[in-house]
């Protein structure tokens, strides 16, 4: 019974590995989808990547690009683009399902998420930024009202202090998320045979083997190497060409 359920889940996940069919005016997108439907995955990848370079970024575009890389057997870039889709739209169910399939296939390693990533998945950094901006502007309007009002209003004073407090908490939260394991420094290993090392040399001792699709957090860069936080609470140097950051 358990094997049947697992097989069914795998089949449903693979059925999700098809390009989206939402309305898209760009003929390049339609052409890439057609290449994908025809089984020409390399050509589809070229078409989707052209759209990415043009700045036409969307969760659905990265989802389709991830699917094309998956079909082409490139799990590193598949996982990278699924992650980029989720960075724009965290609750994209097809992407979440396909990302799990790709990670299982690649045996990719994941970073340990911090508490913001575990408990604040309902919104993105952009959502919190918008909320912080609203709180700040509300505080500004309240203080302006107090300045020009003929008398001091306890309601305006309370609202302005409350708005500033909310702004401060949101600003601290945004900084914490951006600096966390899912923040701006998150990168995905796209190369094969990548090993993190204790120093910036190919013959240095290995710290950890990183299968394609593994997560790392870039901490600093030295020449052609990046120093990164690794899964299993380790740190090491990896070639910069072997990983790409999720945020563009």
Protein backbone atom coordinates (compact mmCIF):
# COMPACT_ATOMS: atom_id res chain seq x y z
CA UNK A 1 0.00 0.00 0.00
CA UNK A 2 2.76 2.43 0.93
CA UNK A 3 4.61 1.63 -2.30
CA UNK A 4 1.42 2.32 -4.29
CA UNK A 5 0.95 5.69 -2.59
CA UNK A 6 4.60 6.60 -3.19
CA UNK A 7 4.33 5.61 -6.85
CA UNK A 8 1.17 7.66 -7.26
CA UNK A 9 2.83 10.71 -5.70
CA UNK A 10 5.81 10.33 -8.02
CA UNK A 11 3.54 10.05 -11.07
CA UNK A 12 1.54 13.13 -10.06
CA UNK A 13 4.80 15.01 -9.52
CA UNK A 14 6.10 14.07 -12.95
CA UNK A 15 2.81 15.06 -14.55
CA UNK A 16 3.38 18.52 -13.08
CA UNK A 17 6.61 18.80 -15.08
CA UNK A 18 4.87 20.49 -18.00
CA UNK A 19 5.09 24.14 -19.02
CA UNK A 20 2.48 26.56 -17.78
CA UNK A 21 -0.22 27.58 -20.22
CA UNK A 22 -1.13 30.98 -18.79
CA UNK A 23 -1.68 33.88 -21.15
CA UNK A 24 1.61 35.31 -22.43
CA UNK A 25 1.88 37.95 -25.14
CA UNK A 26 5.60 37.42 -25.86
CA UNK A 27 5.98 35.17 -28.92
CA UNK A 28 9.38 34.07 -27.58
CA UNK A 29 7.63 32.47 -24.62
CA UNK A 30 5.13 30.71 -26.87
CA UNK A 31 7.98 29.46 -29.06
CA UNK A 32 9.88 28.13 -26.04
CA UNK A 33 6.76 26.35 -24.81
CA UNK A 34 6.33 24.79 -28.24
CA UNK A 35 9.93 23.55 -28.20
CA UNK A 36 9.31 22.04 -24.78
CA UNK A 37 6.10 20.35 -25.91
CA UNK A 38 7.99 18.90 -28.88
CA UNK A 39 10.67 17.43 -26.59
CA UNK A 40 13.35 19.89 -27.72
CA UNK A 41 14.45 20.76 -24.22
CA UNK A 42 17.77 22.45 -25.08
CA UNK A 43 15.98 24.76 -27.52
CA UNK A 44 13.31 25.46 -24.90
CA UNK A 45 16.02 26.33 -22.38
CA UNK A 46 17.57 28.78 -24.85
CA UNK A 47 14.19 30.46 -25.36
CA UNK A 48 13.40 30.74 -21.66
CA UNK A 49 16.92 31.99 -20.84
CA UNK A 50 16.53 34.70 -23.49
CA UNK A 51 13.43 35.91 -21.66
CA UNK A 52 15.28 35.89 -18.34
CA UNK A 53 18.12 37.98 -19.81
CA UNK A 54 15.56 40.44 -21.19
CA UNK A 55 14.27 41.02 -17.65
CA UNK A 56 10.84 39.43 -18.19
CA UNK A 57 11.01 37.67 -14.83
CA UNK A 58 8.12 35.75 -13.31
CA UNK A 59 7.60 32.69 -11.14
CA UNK A 60 5.97 30.86 -14.06
CA UNK A 61 8.93 31.56 -16.36
CA UNK A 62 11.42 30.17 -13.82
CA UNK A 63 9.11 27.22 -13.20
CA UNK A 64 9.06 26.36 -16.91
CA UNK A 65 12.82 26.86 -17.17
CA UNK A 66 13.32 24.55 -14.19
CA UNK A 67 11.15 21.92 -15.87
CA UNK A 68 13.17 22.17 -19.09
CA UNK A 69 16.45 21.73 -17.24
CA UNK A 70 14.97 18.79 -15.33
CA UNK A 71 13.92 17.09 -18.56
CA UNK A 72 17.39 17.76 -19.93
CA UNK A 73 18.95 15.98 -16.95
CA UNK A 74 20.54 19.10 -15.40
CA UNK A 75 19.39 18.97 -11.79
CA UNK A 76 21.59 21.83 -10.60
CA UNK A 77 20.05 24.44 -12.90
CA UNK A 78 16.63 22.86 -12.49
CA UNK A 79 16.74 23.37 -8.73
CA UNK A 80 18.23 26.86 -9.16
CA UNK A 81 15.28 27.97 -11.28
CA UNK A 82 12.69 26.33 -9.05
CA UNK A 83 14.25 28.28 -6.15
CA UNK A 84 14.04 31.49 -8.19
CA UNK A 85 10.38 30.81 -8.89
CA UNK A 86 9.68 30.33 -5.18
CA UNK A 87 11.64 33.48 -4.31
CA UNK A 88 9.05 35.39 -6.37
CA UNK A 89 6.02 33.29 -5.41
CA UNK A 90 6.56 31.18 -2.27
CA UNK A 91 3.21 29.43 -2.55
CA UNK A 92 3.60 28.11 -6.09
CA UNK A 93 2.44 24.49 -5.43
CA UNK A 94 3.70 22.96 -8.67
CA UNK A 95 7.15 24.42 -8.11
CA UNK A 96 7.27 23.14 -4.53
CA UNK A 97 6.38 19.63 -5.67
CA UNK A 98 8.87 19.60 -8.55
CA UNK A 99 11.63 21.04 -6.39
CA UNK A 100 11.25 18.14 -3.97
CA UNK A 101 11.40 15.63 -6.85
CA UNK A 102 14.53 17.29 -8.29
CA UNK A 103 16.25 17.39 -4.89
CA UNK A 104 15.50 13.71 -4.31
CA UNK A 105 16.83 12.79 -7.75
CA UNK A 106 20.02 14.83 -7.28
CA UNK A 107 20.42 13.96 -3.58
CA UNK A 108 21.03 17.65 -3.07
CA UNK A 109 21.98 18.93 0.38
CA UNK A 110 20.00 21.69 2.08
CA UNK A 111 20.96 24.39 4.55
CA UNK A 112 19.37 24.35 7.96
CA UNK A 113 16.67 27.07 7.91
CA UNK A 114 16.59 29.70 10.62
CA UNK A 115 13.45 30.59 12.55
CA UNK A 116 12.30 33.30 10.11
CA UNK A 117 12.35 30.78 7.25
CA UNK A 118 10.49 28.19 9.33
CA UNK A 119 7.74 30.38 10.75
CA UNK A 120 7.32 33.25 8.25
CA UNK A 121 6.72 31.38 5.01
CA UNK A 122 3.39 33.11 4.47
CA UNK A 123 5.05 36.20 2.95
CA UNK A 124 8.15 37.28 1.04
CA UNK A 125 10.68 40.00 1.84
CA UNK A 126 8.83 42.23 -0.63
CA UNK A 127 5.60 41.82 1.35
CA UNK A 128 7.32 42.76 4.60
CA UNK A 129 9.01 45.72 2.87
CA UNK A 130 5.65 47.03 1.67
CA UNK A 131 4.19 46.64 5.17
CA UNK A 132 7.18 48.48 6.67
CA UNK A 133 6.79 51.32 4.17
CA UNK A 134 3.09 51.65 5.03
CA UNK A 135 3.89 51.75 8.76
CA UNK A 136 6.56 54.41 8.21
CA UNK A 137 4.30 56.63 6.11
CA UNK A 138 1.51 56.26 8.66
CA UNK A 139 3.91 57.43 11.38
CA UNK A 140 4.97 60.39 9.22
CA UNK A 141 1.36 61.44 8.63
CA UNK A 142 0.59 61.14 12.33
CA UNK A 143 3.57 63.28 13.33
CA UNK A 144 2.64 65.82 10.64
CA UNK A 145 -0.87 65.95 12.04
CA UNK A 146 0.49 66.52 15.53
CA UNK A 147 2.67 69.39 14.30
CA UNK A 148 -0.15 71.23 12.56
CA UNK A 149 -2.95 70.31 14.94
CA UNK A 150 -4.19 73.01 17.27
CA UNK A 151 -4.10 70.60 20.21
CA UNK A 152 -2.26 67.43 21.07
CA UNK A 153 -4.26 64.30 20.29
CA UNK A 154 -3.53 61.28 22.47
CA UNK A 155 -4.90 59.09 19.69
CA UNK A 156 -2.44 60.45 17.11
CA UNK A 157 0.44 60.15 19.56
CA UNK A 158 -0.41 56.52 20.31
CA UNK A 159 -0.86 55.68 16.62
CA UNK A 160 2.43 57.33 15.64
CA UNK A 161 4.38 55.49 18.35
CA UNK A 162 2.69 52.22 17.42
CA UNK A 163 3.45 52.74 13.71
CA UNK A 164 7.11 53.47 14.43
CA UNK A 165 7.34 50.37 16.60
CA UNK A 166 5.83 48.24 13.82
CA UNK A 167 8.22 49.79 11.30
CA UNK A 168 11.20 49.04 13.54
CA UNK A 169 10.17 45.41 14.06
CA UNK A 170 9.56 44.87 10.35
CA UNK A 171 12.88 46.49 9.41
CA UNK A 172 14.72 44.20 11.83
CA UNK A 173 12.81 41.20 10.47
CA UNK A 174 13.65 42.10 6.86
CA UNK A 175 17.33 42.39 7.77
CA UNK A 176 17.21 39.02 9.56
CA UNK A 177 15.52 37.28 6.61
CA UNK A 178 17.85 38.85 4.08
CA UNK A 179 20.86 37.70 6.07
CA UNK A 180 19.45 34.23 6.72
CA UNK A 181 19.87 30.94 4.90
CA UNK A 182 17.11 31.87 2.42
CA UNK A 183 18.25 35.44 1.94
CA UNK A 184 20.20 37.31 -0.70
CA UNK A 185 23.34 35.22 -0.22
CA UNK A 186 21.63 31.89 -0.97
CA UNK A 187 23.29 30.10 -3.90
CA UNK A 188 22.74 26.77 -5.61
CA UNK A 189 25.54 24.45 -6.70
CA UNK A 190 25.21 24.06 -10.48
CA UNK A 191 28.48 22.28 -11.22
CA UNK A 192 29.19 18.56 -10.97
CA UNK A 193 31.80 16.94 -8.77
CA UNK A 194 32.00 20.05 -6.59
CA UNK A 195 33.81 19.77 -3.28
CA UNK A 196 34.11 22.48 -0.66
CA UNK A 197 37.70 22.82 0.54
CA UNK A 198 39.55 24.29 3.50
CA UNK A 199 41.51 26.69 1.26
CA UNK A 200 41.40 28.27 -2.20
CA UNK A 201 43.25 25.47 -3.96
CA UNK A 202 42.09 22.41 -5.88
CA UNK A 203 44.45 20.20 -3.89
CA UNK A 204 43.34 21.50 -0.47
CA UNK A 205 41.59 19.09 1.87
CA UNK A 206 37.93 18.51 1.14
CA UNK A 207 35.32 19.66 3.64
CA UNK A 208 32.16 18.35 1.97
CA UNK A 209 31.08 16.94 -1.40
CA UNK A 210 28.23 19.02 -2.84
CA UNK A 211 25.91 17.30 -5.34
CA UNK A 212 24.30 19.53 -7.99
CA UNK A 213 21.40 21.49 -6.53
CA UNK A 214 22.87 21.71 -3.04
CA UNK A 215 22.34 24.95 -1.12
CA UNK A 216 25.18 27.17 0.09
CA UNK A 217 25.25 30.66 1.59
CA UNK A 218 27.92 32.92 0.10
CA UNK A 219 29.86 34.72 2.83
CA UNK A 220 32.77 36.27 0.91
CA UNK A 221 34.72 36.00 -2.34
CA UNK A 222 38.43 35.78 -3.11
CA UNK A 223 39.36 35.68 -6.76
CA UNK A 224 37.71 32.68 -8.41
CA UNK A 225 36.61 31.19 -5.09
CA UNK A 226 33.75 31.91 -2.69
CA UNK A 227 33.71 31.17 1.02
CA UNK A 228 30.34 29.73 1.92
CA UNK A 229 28.26 28.37 4.77
CA UNK A 230 27.49 24.77 3.87
CA UNK A 231 24.91 22.16 4.88
CA UNK A 232 25.66 20.24 8.10
CA UNK A 233 26.86 23.51 9.73
CA UNK A 234 30.16 23.44 7.85
CA UNK A 235 32.07 26.15 5.97
CA UNK A 236 34.46 25.98 3.07
CA UNK A 237 35.71 27.37 -0.23
CA UNK A 238 34.14 26.44 -3.57
CA UNK A 239 34.91 27.67 -7.13
CA UNK A 240 32.69 30.66 -7.88
CA UNK A 241 31.78 29.20 -11.28
CA UNK A 242 30.28 26.15 -9.56
CA UNK A 243 27.37 27.98 -7.92
CA UNK A 244 24.86 30.70 -8.77
CA UNK A 245 22.94 32.93 -6.40
CA UNK A 246 19.17 32.56 -6.40
CA UNK A 247 18.44 36.27 -6.34
CA UNK A 248 19.21 38.01 -9.63
